[in-house]
Amino acid sequence: MNVEYYFSVSQNPPVRPAGSWQNKKIKSTVIPTSIKFKLSGILRYLPTGDYFLSIKPNTLKIAVNTRLLLKNKLEGIGWFTFEALKRIVQSHPEHSFYFLFDRAFDESFIFGKNVTPIVIGPQARHPILHYIWFEFSIPKSLKKIQPDIFVSPDAYLSLKTNFKTLLVIHDLNFEHYPENMPALVRKYYKYFTPRFAKKATRIATVSDFSKQDIVKQYGIKPNKIDVVYNGANEKFKPISESEKTATKNRFTKGEDYFVFIGALNPRKNLVNLFRAFDIYRNASSTKAKLVVVGEKMWWTGEIKTTFENMQFKEDVVFTGRLEMEDLYRVIGSALAMTYVSYFEGFGIPIVEAFFAETPVITSNVTSMPEIAGDAALLVDPFDPEDIAKAMKKLTFDEELRNTLIEKGGKQRQLFSWENTAKNLWKSIEKTLNQKTAK
């Protein structure tokens, strides 16, 4: 990015004032030290003496939609926002960040002295309130801030502002499975998201699959979209055998288990996971359990009915939402991660399992093959028999488990929150360098 630097020169003793050299402005892609060399030609023409060069970066104003930074309630997009912004803010103390919240915020989300938190209502958790917040409250706030850029990490944007904007779209699941959403939410997404995509100066997304989906669904030019992979929390790491034993004793009465993590909505495919678990238990002598971690976002009739009709439902353990101190132990102690969603823009639990050195079973559709590479067993998410077969393999084939763990150790190197922050910052730079919002 071309950063503007303001500089002035002064002399000691003051033979004459720097005069016309004061407050000159240049643009450079290099650090201030290198700018001194660019100015050496200018200094040659000044009277002999000791000169002092003052260089000051032209600080940017960066406004960010941070409404999903909620204490103890971070989900996938919330974690993306938290991990990326924390690193960007701390890496760029020269710039000013304006965090726009829709409710009282926790101080842990104010990542530096260069962050100004602003609370604007109403609390946007309903399509009508989304509209009011983004089309009235956000434009009013941005008009006061006058930012160089507005960054929105949650796929929502304002159509009533002309500031440069970077929009992060994580996936377009509602375009493929609209029936999984309440009617009003579905209508909001389908009406506004294509308009947001066209309005945005640039778009960032979390996988090449999602990039191609945005291009196909909305006719966005590929060179307008940057791929910014997710990472995994540093807490996810291998744990000791004693920790594994303690975790099993706590959650599954000492039995081995498969783990699922995510919001319990239809596209996470719990229906076929429940069916697969029954098939698996009937086909093997194991007493392994299924641990389900997450909140019941949309616990539909089909999910409820399938669960109630399970033969082995007593061996399904619902933990609800877990804090990180419990979550990394539960994933690290599992026989395998069973993440068989039928639509994902990324699939963070896959990467979390790689870091925890837990084998992974995941789907062979959408973004999941891209993220898993050759480090997971890929299954047809619409075929419970196929899922059950993979579960049986990982129960009894120790060599396969070890192979997947080893491959996972290599695949996980593609994903870190440090890389996420660096790549999102590059996307911010590209947005700033575009002449006009398109």
Protein backbone atom coordinates (compact mmCIF):
# COMPACT_ATOMS: atom_id res chain seq x y z
CA MET A 1 0.00 0.00 0.00
CA ASN A 2 1.19 3.54 -0.69
CA VAL A 3 1.30 5.13 2.77
CA GLU A 4 1.48 8.90 2.93
CA TYR A 5 4.36 10.25 5.08
CA TYR A 6 4.53 13.87 6.15
CA PHE A 7 8.05 15.13 6.78
CA SER A 8 9.87 18.30 7.74
CA VAL A 9 13.56 19.16 8.08
CA SER A 10 15.21 21.58 10.47
CA GLN A 11 18.81 22.69 11.01
CA ASN A 12 21.02 23.17 14.03
CA PRO A 13 22.41 25.81 14.16
CA PRO A 14 19.45 27.45 12.43
CA VAL A 15 21.20 29.07 9.48
CA ARG A 16 17.76 29.61 8.00
CA PRO A 17 14.34 28.09 8.51
CA ALA A 18 13.54 24.96 6.61
CA GLY A 19 10.93 27.16 4.95
CA SER A 20 9.45 25.55 1.90
CA TRP A 21 10.59 22.12 3.05
CA GLN A 22 8.19 22.06 5.97
CA ASN A 23 5.23 19.68 5.86
CA LYS A 24 6.04 18.21 2.48
CA LYS A 25 4.18 15.03 1.60
CA ILE A 26 5.41 11.98 -0.27
CA LYS A 27 3.97 8.52 -0.87
CA SER A 28 6.07 5.43 -0.46
CA THR A 29 5.70 1.68 -0.10
CA VAL A 30 8.85 1.54 2.05
CA ILE A 31 9.53 2.06 5.72
CA PRO A 32 10.52 5.53 7.03
CA THR A 33 14.23 4.60 7.23
CA SER A 34 14.32 4.15 3.48
CA ILE A 35 12.51 7.43 2.94
CA LYS A 36 15.56 9.22 4.37
CA PHE A 37 17.52 8.05 1.35
CA LYS A 38 14.81 9.35 -0.96
CA LEU A 39 15.19 12.74 0.72
CA SER A 40 19.00 12.82 0.52
CA GLY A 41 18.82 14.64 -2.82
CA ILE A 42 16.70 17.37 -1.25
CA LEU A 43 19.07 17.76 1.70
CA ARG A 44 22.03 18.31 -0.65
CA TYR A 45 20.66 21.71 -1.62
CA LEU A 46 20.23 22.99 1.93
CA PRO A 47 22.98 24.98 3.74
CA THR A 48 25.69 22.97 5.46
CA GLY A 49 24.84 21.87 9.00
CA ASP A 50 23.25 19.15 11.07
CA TYR A 51 19.71 18.41 9.97
CA PHE A 52 16.96 16.62 11.79
CA LEU A 53 14.45 14.69 9.73
CA SER A 54 10.95 14.30 11.14
CA ILE A 55 8.78 11.69 9.44
CA LYS A 56 5.23 11.01 10.51
CA PRO A 57 2.97 8.37 8.91
CA ASN A 58 -0.42 9.48 7.71
CA THR A 59 -2.56 7.41 10.07
CA LEU A 60 -5.60 5.64 8.73
CA LYS A 61 -9.06 5.58 10.25
CA ILE A 62 -10.41 2.04 10.06
CA ALA A 63 -13.99 1.43 11.16
CA VAL A 64 -14.99 -2.17 11.87
CA ASN A 65 -18.30 -3.91 12.47
CA THR A 66 -17.60 -5.78 15.72
CA ARG A 67 -21.14 -6.69 16.73
CA LEU A 68 -20.26 -10.42 16.94
CA LEU A 69 -17.53 -9.90 19.55
CA LEU A 70 -19.59 -11.27 22.43
CA LYS A 71 -18.02 -12.40 25.68
CA ASN A 72 -18.21 -16.21 26.06
CA LYS A 73 -20.37 -16.45 22.92
CA LEU A 74 -17.85 -16.46 20.09
CA GLU A 75 -18.83 -18.70 17.20
CA GLY A 76 -17.01 -19.22 13.88
CA ILE A 77 -17.36 -15.66 12.53
CA GLY A 78 -16.83 -14.23 15.99
CA TRP A 79 -13.55 -16.12 16.35
CA PHE A 80 -12.45 -14.93 12.90
CA THR A 81 -13.18 -11.34 13.93
CA PHE A 82 -11.49 -11.69 17.32
CA GLU A 83 -8.30 -13.44 16.19
CA ALA A 84 -7.73 -11.34 13.06
CA LEU A 85 -8.51 -7.94 14.58
CA LYS A 86 -6.46 -8.57 17.70
CA ARG A 87 -3.37 -9.15 15.59
CA ILE A 88 -4.04 -6.37 13.10
CA VAL A 89 -4.62 -3.77 15.80
CA GLN A 90 -1.47 -4.74 17.69
CA SER A 91 0.62 -4.88 14.50
CA HIS A 92 -0.49 -1.41 13.38
CA PRO A 93 -0.35 0.98 16.34
CA GLU A 94 0.07 3.87 13.88
CA HIS A 95 -3.54 3.53 12.72
CA SER A 96 -6.80 4.32 14.50
CA PHE A 97 -9.51 1.68 14.75
CA TYR A 98 -13.16 2.34 15.51
CA PHE A 99 -14.99 -0.74 16.77
CA LEU A 100 -18.76 -0.51 16.24
CA PHE A 101 -20.74 -2.60 18.75
CA ASP A 102 -24.50 -3.02 18.98
CA ARG A 103 -24.49 -3.51 22.77
CA ALA A 104 -22.26 -3.06 25.82
CA PHE A 105 -18.85 -4.54 25.04
CA ASP A 106 -16.30 -6.43 27.09
CA GLU A 107 -12.96 -4.65 27.65
CA SER A 108 -11.09 -7.76 26.51
CA PHE A 109 -12.15 -6.87 22.95
CA ILE A 110 -10.37 -3.51 23.04
CA PHE A 111 -7.02 -4.72 21.76
CA GLY A 112 -4.99 -1.53 22.09
CA LYS A 113 -4.92 2.18 22.86
CA ASN A 114 -5.53 2.83 19.17
CA VAL A 115 -9.05 1.35 19.42
CA THR A 116 -12.07 3.58 20.01
CA PRO A 117 -15.16 1.54 20.93
CA ILE A 118 -18.54 2.95 19.89
CA VAL A 119 -21.89 1.46 20.90
CA ILE A 120 -24.77 2.12 18.54
CA GLY A 121 -28.24 0.65 18.73
CA PRO A 122 -30.41 -1.22 18.25
CA GLN A 123 -29.10 -4.67 19.12
CA ALA A 124 -29.09 -6.31 15.70
CA ARG A 125 -30.26 -9.92 16.09
CA HIS A 126 -33.31 -9.93 13.82
CA PRO A 127 -33.68 -9.06 10.11
CA ILE A 128 -35.65 -5.89 10.83
CA LEU A 129 -33.09 -4.79 13.42
CA HIS A 130 -30.29 -5.74 11.01
CA TYR A 131 -31.80 -3.36 8.48
CA ILE A 132 -32.08 -0.50 10.98
CA TRP A 133 -28.55 -1.02 12.30
CA PHE A 134 -26.81 -1.28 8.95
CA GLU A 135 -28.89 1.17 6.92
CA PHE A 136 -29.41 3.89 9.53
CA SER A 137 -27.16 3.52 12.59
CA ILE A 138 -23.98 2.54 10.69
CA PRO A 139 -24.16 5.35 8.07
CA LYS A 140 -24.77 7.92 10.81
CA SER A 141 -21.77 6.67 12.79
CA LEU A 142 -19.49 6.48 9.74
CA LYS A 143 -20.42 10.03 8.78
CA LYS A 144 -19.06 11.18 12.15
CA ILE A 145 -15.92 9.03 12.01
CA GLN A 146 -15.09 9.73 8.33
CA PRO A 147 -13.07 6.49 8.03
CA ASP A 148 -10.71 5.59 5.22
CA ILE A 149 -12.34 2.16 5.14
CA PHE A 150 -15.20 0.23 6.72
CA VAL A 151 -14.51 -3.48 7.37
CA SER A 152 -17.43 -5.83 7.97
CA PRO A 153 -16.40 -9.39 8.94
CA ASP A 154 -19.91 -10.89 9.15
CA ALA A 155 -21.18 -10.58 5.54
CA TYR A 156 -23.47 -7.62 6.33
CA LEU A 157 -22.94 -4.17 4.83
CA SER A 158 -24.64 -0.81 4.53
CA LEU A 159 -26.01 0.14 1.14
CA LYS A 160 -26.32 3.78 2.23
CA THR A 161 -22.65 4.67 2.66
CA ASN A 162 -20.06 5.61 0.07
CA PHE A 163 -16.92 4.87 2.08
CA LYS A 164 -14.59 2.17 0.80
CA THR A 165 -15.67 -1.18 2.20
CA LEU A 166 -14.16 -4.61 2.71
CA LEU A 167 -16.84 -7.26 3.14
CA VAL A 168 -16.04 -10.74 4.50
CA ILE A 169 -18.45 -13.39 3.20
CA HIS A 170 -17.86 -16.76 4.85
CA ASP A 171 -20.29 -18.90 2.86
CA LEU A 172 -23.51 -18.83 0.86
CA ASN A 173 -25.23 -21.81 2.48
CA PHE A 174 -28.61 -20.05 2.29
CA GLU A 175 -28.40 -20.02 -1.51
CA HIS A 176 -28.01 -23.81 -1.59
CA TYR A 177 -30.16 -24.88 1.36
CA PRO A 178 -32.65 -22.04 1.95
CA GLU A 179 -35.09 -24.45 3.62
CA ASN A 180 -32.74 -24.68 6.61
CA MET A 181 -33.43 -21.10 7.66
CA PRO A 182 -36.48 -19.31 9.08
CA ALA A 183 -38.41 -17.60 6.29
CA LEU A 184 -37.65 -13.98 7.21
CA VAL A 185 -33.92 -14.65 7.74
CA ARG A 186 -33.77 -16.49 4.43
CA LYS A 187 -35.49 -13.64 2.56
CA TYR A 188 -33.14 -11.09 4.12
CA TYR A 189 -30.02 -13.00 3.12
CA LYS A 190 -31.20 -13.76 -0.40
CA TYR A 191 -32.26 -10.16 -1.07
CA PHE A 192 -29.39 -8.27 0.55
CA THR A 193 -26.28 -10.47 0.22
CA PRO A 194 -25.95 -10.13 -3.59
CA ARG A 195 -26.44 -6.38 -3.21
CA PHE A 196 -23.82 -6.25 -0.46
CA ALA A 197 -21.39 -8.19 -2.67
CA LYS A 198 -21.84 -5.78 -5.56
CA LYS A 199 -21.66 -2.71 -3.29
CA ALA A 200 -18.43 -3.75 -1.54
CA THR A 201 -15.16 -2.29 -2.79
CA ARG A 202 -13.55 -5.69 -2.19
CA ILE A 203 -14.57 -9.03 -0.73
CA ALA A 204 -12.59 -11.45 1.43
CA THR A 205 -13.69 -15.04 1.95
CA VAL A 206 -12.33 -18.06 3.79
CA SER A 207 -11.78 -20.68 1.07
CA ASP A 208 -11.30 -21.00 -2.64
CA PHE A 209 -14.58 -22.93 -2.71
CA SER A 210 -16.43 -19.93 -1.27
CA LYS A 211 -14.67 -17.59 -3.68
CA GLN A 212 -15.81 -19.60 -6.68
CA ASP A 213 -19.32 -19.85 -5.21
CA ILE A 214 -19.56 -16.05 -4.85
CA VAL A 215 -18.33 -15.63 -8.42
CA LYS A 216 -20.89 -18.13 -9.73
CA GLN A 217 -23.88 -17.04 -7.64
CA TYR A 218 -23.48 -13.26 -7.94
CA GLY A 219 -21.34 -12.68 -11.02
CA ILE A 220 -18.57 -10.99 -9.03
CA LYS A 221 -15.21 -10.74 -10.81
CA PRO A 222 -12.65 -13.15 -9.28
CA ASN A 223 -10.02 -10.40 -8.97
CA LYS A 224 -12.31 -8.56 -6.54
CA ILE A 225 -12.20 -11.47 -4.06
CA ASP A 226 -9.32 -12.44 -1.74
CA VAL A 227 -9.06 -15.82 0.01
CA VAL A 228 -8.21 -15.48 3.70
CA TYR A 229 -8.09 -18.87 5.45
CA ASN A 230 -9.18 -19.29 9.06
CA GLY A 231 -6.83 -20.51 11.79
CA ALA A 232 -7.23 -22.40 15.05
CA ASN A 233 -6.95 -21.33 18.66
CA GLU A 234 -3.47 -21.91 20.12
CA LYS A 235 -5.07 -23.92 22.93
CA PHE A 236 -5.60 -26.83 20.56
CA LYS A 237 -2.63 -29.14 20.99
CA PRO A 238 -1.92 -32.76 21.91
CA ILE A 239 -2.73 -33.61 25.51
CA SER A 240 -1.32 -36.25 27.83
CA GLU A 241 -2.82 -39.70 28.35
CA SER A 242 -3.72 -38.78 31.91
CA GLU A 243 -5.66 -35.74 30.66
CA LYS A 244 -7.44 -37.92 28.12
CA THR A 245 -8.43 -40.40 30.84
CA ALA A 246 -9.71 -37.60 33.09
CA THR A 247 -11.72 -36.08 30.21
CA LYS A 248 -13.30 -39.43 29.32
CA ASN A 249 -14.16 -40.08 32.95
CA ARG A 250 -15.87 -36.70 33.14
CA PHE A 251 -17.89 -36.79 29.92
CA THR A 252 -18.35 -40.43 28.87
CA LYS A 253 -17.80 -42.50 32.02
CA GLY A 254 -14.39 -43.57 30.75
CA GLU A 255 -15.50 -44.76 27.30
CA ASP A 256 -13.92 -43.79 23.97
CA TYR A 257 -15.98 -41.38 21.90
CA PHE A 258 -16.41 -39.56 18.61
CA VAL A 259 -16.91 -35.81 18.82
CA PHE A 260 -18.94 -33.31 16.85
CA ILE A 261 -18.65 -29.57 17.44
CA GLY A 262 -20.79 -26.80 15.98
CA ALA A 263 -24.11 -25.00 16.18
CA LEU A 264 -26.82 -27.66 16.05
CA ASN A 265 -28.55 -26.52 12.88
CA PRO A 266 -29.71 -28.70 9.96
CA ARG A 267 -26.74 -28.21 7.63
CA LYS A 268 -24.43 -29.67 10.28
CA ASN A 269 -26.09 -32.96 9.32
CA LEU A 270 -26.81 -34.33 12.78
CA VAL A 271 -29.63 -36.44 11.31
CA ASN A 272 -27.23 -38.57 9.27
CA LEU A 273 -24.60 -38.52 12.02
CA PHE A 274 -27.16 -40.00 14.45
CA ARG A 275 -28.15 -42.63 11.90
CA ALA A 276 -24.51 -43.44 11.21
CA PHE A 277 -23.79 -43.83 14.92
CA ASP A 278 -26.57 -46.39 15.28
CA ILE A 279 -25.24 -48.33 12.26
CA TYR A 280 -21.70 -48.17 13.64
CA ARG A 281 -22.69 -49.45 17.08
CA ASN A 282 -24.73 -52.30 15.61
CA ALA A 283 -21.83 -53.35 13.39
CA SER A 284 -19.18 -53.40 16.11
CA SER A 285 -18.69 -54.60 19.65
CA THR A 286 -17.49 -51.21 20.86
CA LYS A 287 -19.14 -49.15 23.61
CA ALA A 288 -17.90 -45.87 22.12
CA LYS A 289 -20.14 -42.85 22.59
CA LEU A 290 -20.93 -39.77 20.53
CA VAL A 291 -20.25 -36.39 22.15
CA VAL A 292 -22.11 -33.45 20.65
CA VAL A 293 -20.76 -30.00 21.53
CA GLY A 294 -22.78 -26.90 20.67
CA GLU A 295 -25.96 -24.96 21.17
CA LYS A 296 -29.27 -26.02 19.68
CA MET A 297 -29.50 -23.22 17.15
CA TRP A 298 -32.37 -24.62 15.09
CA TRP A 299 -33.29 -27.97 16.63
CA THR A 300 -35.73 -28.97 13.90
CA GLY A 301 -38.42 -31.61 14.05
CA GLU A 302 -36.38 -33.97 11.86
CA ILE A 303 -33.32 -33.72 14.11
CA LYS A 304 -35.45 -34.25 17.23
CA THR A 305 -37.37 -37.19 15.74
CA THR A 306 -34.22 -38.88 14.47
CA PHE A 307 -32.58 -38.57 17.87
CA GLU A 308 -35.62 -39.87 19.77
CA ASN A 309 -35.81 -42.89 17.47
CA MET A 310 -32.14 -43.80 17.92
CA GLN A 311 -31.34 -47.25 19.26
CA PHE A 312 -28.25 -45.96 21.06
CA LYS A 313 -29.47 -42.48 22.06
CA GLU A 314 -28.40 -43.15 25.66
CA ASP A 315 -24.81 -43.12 24.37
CA VAL A 316 -25.13 -39.67 22.84
CA VAL A 317 -23.78 -37.00 25.19
CA PHE A 318 -24.88 -33.39 24.72
CA THR A 319 -22.48 -31.02 26.46
CA GLY A 320 -23.97 -27.73 25.29
CA ARG A 321 -21.51 -24.93 24.71
CA LEU A 322 -18.06 -25.53 26.26
CA GLU A 323 -15.47 -23.00 27.36
CA MET A 324 -12.09 -23.26 25.67
CA GLU A 325 -10.45 -24.92 28.70
CA ASP A 326 -12.87 -27.85 28.31
CA LEU A 327 -13.21 -27.74 24.54
CA TYR A 328 -9.59 -28.41 23.63
CA ARG A 329 -9.51 -31.35 26.05
CA VAL A 330 -12.72 -32.84 24.64
CA ILE A 331 -11.40 -32.63 21.07
CA GLY A 332 -7.93 -33.82 22.09
CA SER A 333 -9.30 -36.89 23.86
CA ALA A 334 -11.65 -38.05 21.09
CA LEU A 335 -11.26 -41.17 19.02
CA ALA A 336 -11.99 -38.96 16.02
CA MET A 337 -13.67 -35.74 14.97
CA THR A 338 -16.87 -36.50 13.01
CA TYR A 339 -17.56 -33.30 11.08
CA VAL A 340 -19.92 -34.40 8.34
CA SER A 341 -21.75 -31.20 7.52
CA TYR A 342 -23.22 -31.02 4.03
CA PHE A 343 -22.25 -27.38 3.49
CA GLU A 344 -19.33 -25.36 4.86
CA GLY A 345 -17.43 -22.29 3.74
CA PHE A 346 -14.41 -23.52 5.71
CA GLY A 347 -14.91 -25.87 8.68
CA ILE A 348 -12.77 -24.63 11.60
CA PRO A 349 -13.25 -27.83 13.71
CA ILE A 350 -11.30 -29.77 11.05
CA VAL A 351 -8.25 -27.59 11.65
CA GLU A 352 -8.75 -27.62 15.42
CA ALA A 353 -8.63 -31.41 15.33
CA PHE A 354 -5.42 -31.31 13.26
CA PHE A 355 -3.76 -29.19 15.95
CA ALA A 356 -5.09 -31.45 18.71
CA GLU A 357 -3.73 -34.48 16.79
CA THR A 358 -7.16 -36.06 16.61
CA PRO A 359 -8.09 -38.00 13.42
CA VAL A 360 -10.82 -36.44 11.27
CA ILE A 361 -13.83 -37.79 9.40
CA THR A 362 -15.34 -35.08 7.22
CA SER A 363 -17.49 -34.60 4.13
CA ASN A 364 -16.40 -34.87 0.51
CA VAL A 365 -18.41 -31.79 -0.53
CA THR A 366 -18.07 -27.97 -0.61
CA SER A 367 -14.96 -26.58 1.14
CA MET A 368 -14.14 -29.57 3.32
CA PRO A 369 -11.89 -31.49 0.87
CA GLU A 370 -9.95 -28.26 0.30
CA ILE A 371 -9.36 -27.73 4.02
CA ALA A 372 -8.76 -31.38 4.93
CA GLY A 373 -6.49 -32.24 2.00
CA ASP A 374 -5.36 -35.86 2.30
CA ALA A 375 -5.34 -35.69 6.12
CA ALA A 376 -8.90 -36.91 6.74
CA LEU A 377 -11.28 -39.69 5.80
CA LEU A 378 -13.71 -38.12 3.33
CA VAL A 379 -17.25 -39.48 3.33
CA ASP A 380 -20.54 -38.88 1.55
CA PRO A 381 -22.52 -36.82 4.11
CA PHE A 382 -25.79 -38.02 2.61
CA ASP A 383 -24.92 -41.69 3.19
CA PRO A 384 -25.04 -42.83 6.85
CA GLU A 385 -23.53 -46.18 5.86
CA ASP A 386 -20.45 -44.42 4.48
CA ILE A 387 -20.05 -42.36 7.64
CA ALA A 388 -20.44 -45.46 9.82
CA LYS A 389 -17.83 -47.32 7.77
CA ALA A 390 -15.29 -44.55 8.40
CA MET A 391 -16.07 -44.58 12.14
CA LYS A 392 -15.46 -48.32 12.25
CA LYS A 393 -12.16 -47.98 10.40
CA LEU A 394 -10.84 -45.41 12.86
CA THR A 395 -11.98 -47.50 15.83
CA PHE A 396 -10.02 -50.58 14.88
CA ASP A 397 -7.21 -49.42 12.57
CA GLU A 398 -4.54 -47.82 14.73
CA GLU A 399 -2.13 -47.49 11.79
CA LEU A 400 -4.72 -45.47 9.87
CA ARG A 401 -5.29 -43.22 12.86
CA ASN A 402 -1.57 -42.55 13.18
CA THR A 403 -1.25 -41.88 9.45
CA LEU A 404 -4.05 -39.32 9.54
CA ILE A 405 -2.54 -37.64 12.59
CA GLU A 406 0.80 -37.36 10.81
CA LYS A 407 -0.80 -35.94 7.67
CA GLY A 408 -2.86 -33.57 9.80
CA GLY A 409 0.36 -32.24 11.29
CA LYS A 410 1.45 -31.21 7.78
CA GLN A 411 -1.91 -29.91 6.59
CA ARG A 412 -2.37 -27.68 9.64
CA GLN A 413 0.67 -25.63 8.62
CA LEU A 414 -1.55 -23.94 6.02
CA PHE A 415 -3.73 -22.46 8.73
CA SER A 416 -2.89 -19.97 11.47
CA TRP A 417 -4.53 -16.84 12.80
CA GLU A 418 -1.26 -15.01 12.14
CA ASN A 419 -1.65 -15.77 8.44
CA THR A 420 -5.32 -14.83 8.62
CA ALA A 421 -4.45 -11.40 10.04
CA LYS A 422 -1.66 -10.80 7.50
CA ASN A 423 -3.86 -11.76 4.57
CA LEU A 424 -6.83 -9.76 5.81
CA TRP A 425 -4.52 -6.74 6.16
CA LYS A 426 -3.36 -7.24 2.58
CA SER A 427 -7.01 -7.23 1.55
CA ILE A 428 -7.52 -3.99 3.48
CA GLU A 429 -4.55 -2.49 1.62
CA LYS A 430 -5.96 -3.55 -1.73
CA THR A 431 -9.29 -2.00 -0.81
CA LEU A 432 -7.65 1.29 0.14
CA ASN A 433 -5.68 1.38 -3.09
CA GLN A 434 -8.73 0.99 -5.29
CA LYS A 435 -9.60 4.38 -6.70
CA THR A 436 -13.33 4.16 -6.14
CA ALA A 437 -15.75 1.81 -4.47
CA LYS A 438 -17.39 -0.43 -7.03
